Amino acid sequence: MAKGTVKWFNATKGFGFIQPDSGGPDVFVHISAVERSGLRTLVEGQKVNFEVEQDRRTGKSSAGHLQMTGTHGTGGGPKD
């Protein structure tokens, strides 16, 4: 599982990017992956663990199976 920091996330648009701690390109994250992980949203600067998944149709990479690694900001907690 990779580790990274939320670079930015726009809940209204439903997507954002995670900057991997290991370097390399930022990883796209969609609101559906956030919600499937039991979270409401992501907050800029929030530390997360994630898996890089590849879409079988498009071949594009995105983050999935997100887990918070610390608390930063508000609203990123698990859904009630």
N, C-alpha and C. Protein backbone atom coordinates (compact mmCIF):
# COMPACT_ATOMS: atom_id res chain seq x y z
N MET A 1 0.85 -1.17 0.00
CA MET A 1 0.00 0.00 0.00
C MET A 1 0.90 1.24 0.00
N ALA A 2 0.59 2.19 -0.86
CA ALA A 2 1.36 3.42 -0.97
C ALA A 2 0.93 4.43 0.09
N LYS A 3 1.82 5.36 0.37
CA LYS A 3 1.52 6.45 1.30
C LYS A 3 1.66 7.76 0.54
N GLY A 4 0.85 8.75 0.94
CA GLY A 4 0.95 10.04 0.28
C GLY A 4 0.20 11.12 1.03
N THR A 5 0.19 12.30 0.42
CA THR A 5 -0.46 13.48 0.98
C THR A 5 -1.45 14.01 -0.03
N VAL A 6 -2.64 14.35 0.44
CA VAL A 6 -3.66 14.93 -0.45
C VAL A 6 -3.14 16.29 -0.91
N LYS A 7 -2.93 16.41 -2.21
CA LYS A 7 -2.45 17.67 -2.78
C LYS A 7 -3.60 18.66 -2.83
N TRP A 8 -4.73 18.22 -3.35
CA TRP A 8 -5.98 18.98 -3.31
C TRP A 8 -7.13 18.05 -3.61
N PHE A 9 -8.31 18.42 -3.12
CA PHE A 9 -9.52 17.65 -3.38
C PHE A 9 -10.70 18.60 -3.40
N ASN A 10 -11.48 18.56 -4.47
CA ASN A 10 -12.66 19.41 -4.62
C ASN A 10 -13.89 18.53 -4.52
N ALA A 11 -14.57 18.58 -3.38
CA ALA A 11 -15.74 17.73 -3.14
C ALA A 11 -16.87 18.07 -4.10
N THR A 12 -16.98 19.33 -4.50
CA THR A 12 -18.04 19.75 -5.43
C THR A 12 -17.84 19.10 -6.79
N LYS A 13 -16.60 19.10 -7.27
CA LYS A 13 -16.30 18.49 -8.56
C LYS A 13 -16.14 16.98 -8.44
N GLY A 14 -15.83 16.51 -7.22
CA GLY A 14 -15.76 15.07 -6.98
C GLY A 14 -14.44 14.41 -7.31
N PHE A 15 -13.35 15.18 -7.31
CA PHE A 15 -12.05 14.56 -7.56
C PHE A 15 -10.92 15.43 -7.02
N GLY A 16 -9.73 14.86 -7.02
CA GLY A 16 -8.53 15.56 -6.59
C GLY A 16 -7.31 14.72 -6.89
N PHE A 17 -6.20 15.05 -6.22
CA PHE A 17 -4.94 14.34 -6.47
C PHE A 17 -4.19 14.10 -5.16
N ILE A 18 -3.50 12.98 -5.12
CA ILE A 18 -2.65 12.61 -4.00
C ILE A 18 -1.20 12.62 -4.49
N GLN A 19 -0.32 13.22 -3.70
CA GLN A 19 1.11 13.24 -4.02
C GLN A 19 1.76 12.08 -3.28
N PRO A 20 2.25 11.06 -4.00
CA PRO A 20 2.87 9.91 -3.33
C PRO A 20 4.15 10.30 -2.59
N ASP A 21 4.34 9.72 -1.41
CA ASP A 21 5.56 9.96 -0.63
C ASP A 21 6.79 9.44 -1.37
N SER A 22 6.61 8.44 -2.20
CA SER A 22 7.73 7.82 -2.92
C SER A 22 8.16 8.62 -4.15
N GLY A 23 7.44 9.71 -4.44
CA GLY A 23 7.74 10.51 -5.62
C GLY A 23 6.93 10.04 -6.81
N GLY A 24 7.24 10.56 -7.96
CA GLY A 24 6.50 10.20 -9.16
C GLY A 24 5.30 11.10 -9.35
N PRO A 25 4.52 10.80 -10.38
CA PRO A 25 3.37 11.66 -10.69
C PRO A 25 2.28 11.59 -9.63
N ASP A 26 1.53 12.69 -9.50
CA ASP A 26 0.39 12.71 -8.60
C ASP A 26 -0.63 11.68 -9.06
N VAL A 27 -1.40 11.14 -8.12
CA VAL A 27 -2.37 10.08 -8.41
C VAL A 27 -3.78 10.66 -8.30
N PHE A 28 -4.56 10.50 -9.35
CA PHE A 28 -5.95 10.95 -9.39
C PHE A 28 -6.77 10.18 -8.36
N VAL A 29 -7.70 10.87 -7.69
CA VAL A 29 -8.62 10.20 -6.77
C VAL A 29 -10.03 10.74 -7.01
N HIS A 30 -10.98 9.85 -7.20
CA HIS A 30 -12.38 10.20 -7.46
C HIS A 30 -13.19 10.06 -6.18
N ILE A 31 -14.25 10.86 -6.06
CA ILE A 31 -15.11 10.83 -4.88
C ILE A 31 -15.68 9.43 -4.64
N SER A 32 -15.93 8.67 -5.69
CA SER A 32 -16.49 7.32 -5.51
C SER A 32 -15.51 6.43 -4.74
N ALA A 33 -14.20 6.59 -4.99
CA ALA A 33 -13.20 5.81 -4.25
C ALA A 33 -13.14 6.25 -2.80
N VAL A 34 -13.30 7.55 -2.57
CA VAL A 34 -13.32 8.08 -1.20
C VAL A 34 -14.50 7.48 -0.44
N GLU A 35 -15.68 7.53 -1.05
CA GLU A 35 -16.89 7.01 -0.40
C GLU A 35 -16.83 5.50 -0.21
N ARG A 36 -16.30 4.77 -1.18
CA ARG A 36 -16.16 3.31 -1.04
C ARG A 36 -15.24 2.96 0.13
N SER A 37 -14.34 3.86 0.45
CA SER A 37 -13.41 3.65 1.57
C SER A 37 -14.02 4.05 2.91
N GLY A 38 -15.28 4.49 2.88
CA GLY A 38 -15.96 4.87 4.12
C GLY A 38 -15.67 6.28 4.60
N LEU A 39 -15.11 7.11 3.73
CA LEU A 39 -14.79 8.49 4.07
C LEU A 39 -15.79 9.43 3.41
N ARG A 40 -15.90 10.66 3.94
CA ARG A 40 -16.79 11.66 3.36
C ARG A 40 -16.09 12.47 2.28
N THR A 41 -14.86 12.88 2.59
CA THR A 41 -14.09 13.73 1.69
C THR A 41 -12.62 13.62 2.07
N LEU A 42 -11.77 14.29 1.33
CA LEU A 42 -10.35 14.39 1.66
C LEU A 42 -10.02 15.86 1.85
N VAL A 43 -9.00 16.13 2.65
CA VAL A 43 -8.60 17.49 2.97
C VAL A 43 -7.15 17.71 2.55
N GLU A 44 -6.88 18.85 1.93
CA GLU A 44 -5.52 19.18 1.52
C GLU A 44 -4.55 19.02 2.68
N GLY A 45 -3.45 18.32 2.43
CA GLY A 45 -2.43 18.09 3.46
C GLY A 45 -2.65 16.84 4.28
N GLN A 46 -3.80 16.19 4.10
CA GLN A 46 -4.13 14.97 4.85
C GLN A 46 -3.23 13.82 4.39
N LYS A 47 -2.70 13.05 5.34
CA LYS A 47 -1.88 11.88 5.03
C LYS A 47 -2.79 10.68 4.84
N VAL A 48 -2.55 9.93 3.77
CA VAL A 48 -3.38 8.76 3.47
C VAL A 48 -2.52 7.60 2.99
N ASN A 49 -3.03 6.40 3.21
CA ASN A 49 -2.53 5.20 2.56
C ASN A 49 -3.50 4.90 1.44
N PHE A 50 -3.00 4.36 0.34
CA PHE A 50 -3.88 4.08 -0.80
C PHE A 50 -3.23 3.03 -1.70
N GLU A 51 -4.05 2.46 -2.54
CA GLU A 51 -3.56 1.53 -3.56
C GLU A 51 -3.79 2.18 -4.92
N VAL A 52 -2.81 2.04 -5.79
CA VAL A 52 -2.97 2.55 -7.15
C VAL A 52 -3.66 1.46 -7.97
N GLU A 53 -4.81 1.82 -8.52
CA GLU A 53 -5.61 0.89 -9.32
C GLU A 53 -5.57 1.33 -10.77
N GLN A 54 -5.67 0.37 -11.66
CA GLN A 54 -5.66 0.66 -13.09
C GLN A 54 -7.02 0.31 -13.67
N ASP A 55 -7.64 1.28 -14.37
CA ASP A 55 -8.93 1.04 -15.02
C ASP A 55 -8.70 0.11 -16.21
N ARG A 56 -9.42 -0.99 -16.23
CA ARG A 56 -9.22 -1.98 -17.30
C ARG A 56 -9.62 -1.45 -18.67
N ARG A 57 -10.62 -0.57 -18.69
CA ARG A 57 -11.10 -0.01 -19.95
C ARG A 57 -10.16 1.05 -20.51
N THR A 58 -9.82 2.04 -19.65
CA THR A 58 -9.05 3.19 -20.13
C THR A 58 -7.55 3.06 -19.91
N GLY A 59 -7.14 2.19 -18.97
CA GLY A 59 -5.73 2.05 -18.65
C GLY A 59 -5.21 3.14 -17.73
N LYS A 60 -6.09 4.06 -17.31
CA LYS A 60 -5.67 5.16 -16.43
C LYS A 60 -5.57 4.69 -14.98
N SER A 61 -4.63 5.28 -14.25
CA SER A 61 -4.42 4.94 -12.84
C SER A 61 -5.20 5.89 -11.95
N SER A 62 -5.64 5.37 -10.80
CA SER A 62 -6.30 6.20 -9.80
C SER A 62 -6.11 5.56 -8.43
N ALA A 63 -6.37 6.34 -7.39
CA ALA A 63 -6.22 5.86 -6.02
C ALA A 63 -7.49 5.15 -5.57
N GLY A 64 -7.32 4.08 -4.81
CA GLY A 64 -8.44 3.36 -4.23
C GLY A 64 -8.04 2.80 -2.88
N HIS A 65 -8.99 2.20 -2.19
CA HIS A 65 -8.75 1.60 -0.87
C HIS A 65 -8.02 2.58 0.05
N LEU A 66 -8.58 3.77 0.16
CA LEU A 66 -7.97 4.84 0.95
C LEU A 66 -8.11 4.61 2.45
N GLN A 67 -7.08 4.96 3.18
CA GLN A 67 -7.09 4.91 4.65
C GLN A 67 -6.39 6.16 5.16
N MET A 68 -7.02 6.83 6.13
CA MET A 68 -6.38 7.99 6.75
C MET A 68 -5.24 7.49 7.63
N THR A 69 -4.12 8.21 7.65
CA THR A 69 -3.01 7.83 8.51
C THR A 69 -2.83 8.79 9.67
N GLY A 70 -3.54 9.89 9.65
CA GLY A 70 -3.46 10.88 10.72
C GLY A 70 -4.65 11.81 10.61
N THR A 71 -4.76 12.75 11.51
CA THR A 71 -5.86 13.69 11.44
C THR A 71 -5.32 15.04 11.03
N HIS A 72 -5.89 15.59 9.98
CA HIS A 72 -5.51 16.91 9.50
C HIS A 72 -6.74 17.52 8.88
N GLY A 73 -7.14 18.67 9.34
CA GLY A 73 -8.32 19.31 8.80
C GLY A 73 -9.59 18.68 9.34
N THR A 74 -10.69 18.94 8.65
CA THR A 74 -11.98 18.42 9.10
C THR A 74 -12.70 17.75 7.95
N GLY A 75 -13.65 16.91 8.30
CA GLY A 75 -14.52 16.32 7.29
C GLY A 75 -14.01 15.07 6.64
N GLY A 76 -12.83 14.62 6.95
CA GLY A 76 -12.29 13.45 6.29
C GLY A 76 -12.54 12.16 7.02
N GLY A 77 -13.26 12.24 8.13
CA GLY A 77 -13.48 11.05 8.95
C GLY A 77 -14.42 10.06 8.33
N PRO A 78 -14.54 8.91 8.94
CA PRO A 78 -15.44 7.87 8.43
C PRO A 78 -16.89 8.34 8.42
N LYS A 79 -17.64 7.77 7.50
CA LYS A 79 -19.07 8.07 7.43
C LYS A 79 -19.76 7.52 8.66
N ASP A 80 -20.81 8.20 9.09
CA ASP A 80 -21.61 7.72 10.24
C ASP A 80 -22.49 6.57 9.82
